[in-house]
Amino acid sequence: MAIHLVETFFYIVISSTQNMIYASMVYSMWQNAGLISLPYPIAVFGYALLEETRPRQYFWTLIRQYTTFILVLKLVFSLVSGYNSV
């Protein structure tokens, strides 16, 4: 019986991962307030939470590509500004 309870607990955690992702996207906007992180709360409140079911795969692909693009852009600017200061 205890094994089934542990298994059920993990299913509960796995099924609520989208809520944790939404919270982290809003937290990102709160910490890094700016135009770059503005699409995260718009995506969460404007699209993801209005879907009756979970958002489609396209939504997550778009968010992942946007985040990767921003991280690469920040890396390039950091390398260029570090190169100019030496």
Protein backbone atom coordinates (compact mmCIF):
# COMPACT_ATOMS: atom_id res chain seq x y z
CA MET A 1 0.00 0.00 0.00
CA ALA A 2 2.85 2.40 0.84
CA ILE A 3 4.41 1.86 -2.58
CA HIS A 4 1.14 2.84 -4.26
CA LEU A 5 0.98 6.01 -2.17
CA VAL A 6 4.52 6.97 -3.17
CA GLU A 7 3.71 6.24 -6.80
CA THR A 8 0.56 8.36 -6.58
CA PHE A 9 2.55 11.21 -5.03
CA PHE A 10 5.00 11.17 -7.94
CA TYR A 11 2.11 11.17 -10.43
CA ILE A 12 0.70 14.23 -8.68
CA VAL A 13 4.05 16.03 -8.91
CA ILE A 14 4.50 15.09 -12.57
CA SER A 15 0.98 16.19 -13.51
CA SER A 16 1.46 19.63 -11.95
CA THR A 17 4.76 20.45 -13.64
CA GLN A 18 3.10 22.91 -15.99
CA ASN A 19 2.05 25.00 -12.98
CA MET A 20 5.63 25.03 -11.73
CA ILE A 21 6.82 26.12 -15.18
CA TYR A 22 4.23 28.91 -15.30
CA ALA A 23 5.31 30.12 -11.86
CA SER A 24 8.97 30.12 -12.88
CA MET A 25 8.17 32.13 -16.01
CA VAL A 26 6.38 34.78 -13.95
CA TYR A 27 9.21 34.73 -11.39
CA SER A 28 11.68 35.31 -14.23
CA MET A 29 9.76 38.42 -15.24
CA TRP A 30 9.71 39.60 -11.65
CA GLN A 31 13.49 39.17 -11.22
CA ASN A 32 14.55 40.38 -14.68
CA ALA A 33 11.97 43.06 -15.32
CA GLY A 34 12.51 44.27 -18.86
CA LEU A 35 11.38 43.99 -22.43
CA ILE A 36 13.36 40.79 -22.99
CA SER A 37 11.46 38.81 -20.36
CA LEU A 38 8.07 40.39 -21.11
CA PRO A 39 6.89 37.55 -23.41
CA TYR A 40 6.95 35.05 -20.51
CA PRO A 41 4.02 36.45 -18.49
CA ILE A 42 2.19 37.30 -21.70
CA ALA A 43 2.58 33.69 -22.81
CA VAL A 44 1.46 32.38 -19.44
CA PHE A 45 -1.54 34.63 -18.86
CA GLY A 46 -2.40 35.36 -22.47
CA TYR A 47 -2.30 31.86 -23.86
CA ALA A 48 -1.30 28.98 -21.60
CA LEU A 49 -3.81 29.50 -18.82
CA LEU A 50 -6.64 30.22 -21.25
CA GLU A 51 -6.27 26.85 -22.94
CA GLU A 52 -8.87 24.35 -21.84
CA THR A 53 -6.33 21.56 -21.96
CA ARG A 54 -2.56 21.77 -21.80
CA PRO A 55 -0.89 24.01 -24.38
CA ARG A 56 0.14 22.30 -27.59
CA GLN A 57 3.71 21.22 -28.35
CA TYR A 58 4.16 24.28 -30.59
CA PHE A 59 3.78 26.59 -27.57
CA TRP A 60 6.55 24.85 -25.64
CA THR A 61 8.80 24.71 -28.69
CA LEU A 62 8.35 28.43 -29.24
CA ILE A 63 9.10 29.27 -25.59
CA ARG A 64 12.16 27.01 -25.60
CA GLN A 65 13.51 28.57 -28.82
CA TYR A 66 12.91 32.09 -27.52
CA THR A 67 14.72 31.31 -24.26
CA THR A 68 17.64 29.73 -26.10
CA PHE A 69 17.89 32.73 -28.43
CA ILE A 70 17.92 35.17 -25.50
CA LEU A 71 20.56 33.15 -23.64
CA VAL A 72 22.82 33.00 -26.71
CA LEU A 73 22.31 36.72 -27.31
CA LYS A 74 23.25 37.53 -23.71
CA LEU A 75 26.32 35.29 -24.01
CA VAL A 76 27.46 37.05 -27.19
CA PHE A 77 26.97 40.51 -25.66
CA SER A 78 28.80 39.41 -22.53
CA LEU A 79 31.75 38.10 -24.56
CA VAL A 80 31.88 41.21 -26.75
CA SER A 81 31.72 43.61 -23.79
CA GLY A 82 34.37 41.59 -21.93
CA TYR A 83 36.61 41.64 -25.02
CA ASN A 84 36.31 45.42 -25.38
CA SER A 85 37.18 46.12 -21.74
CA VAL A 86 40.53 44.28 -21.90
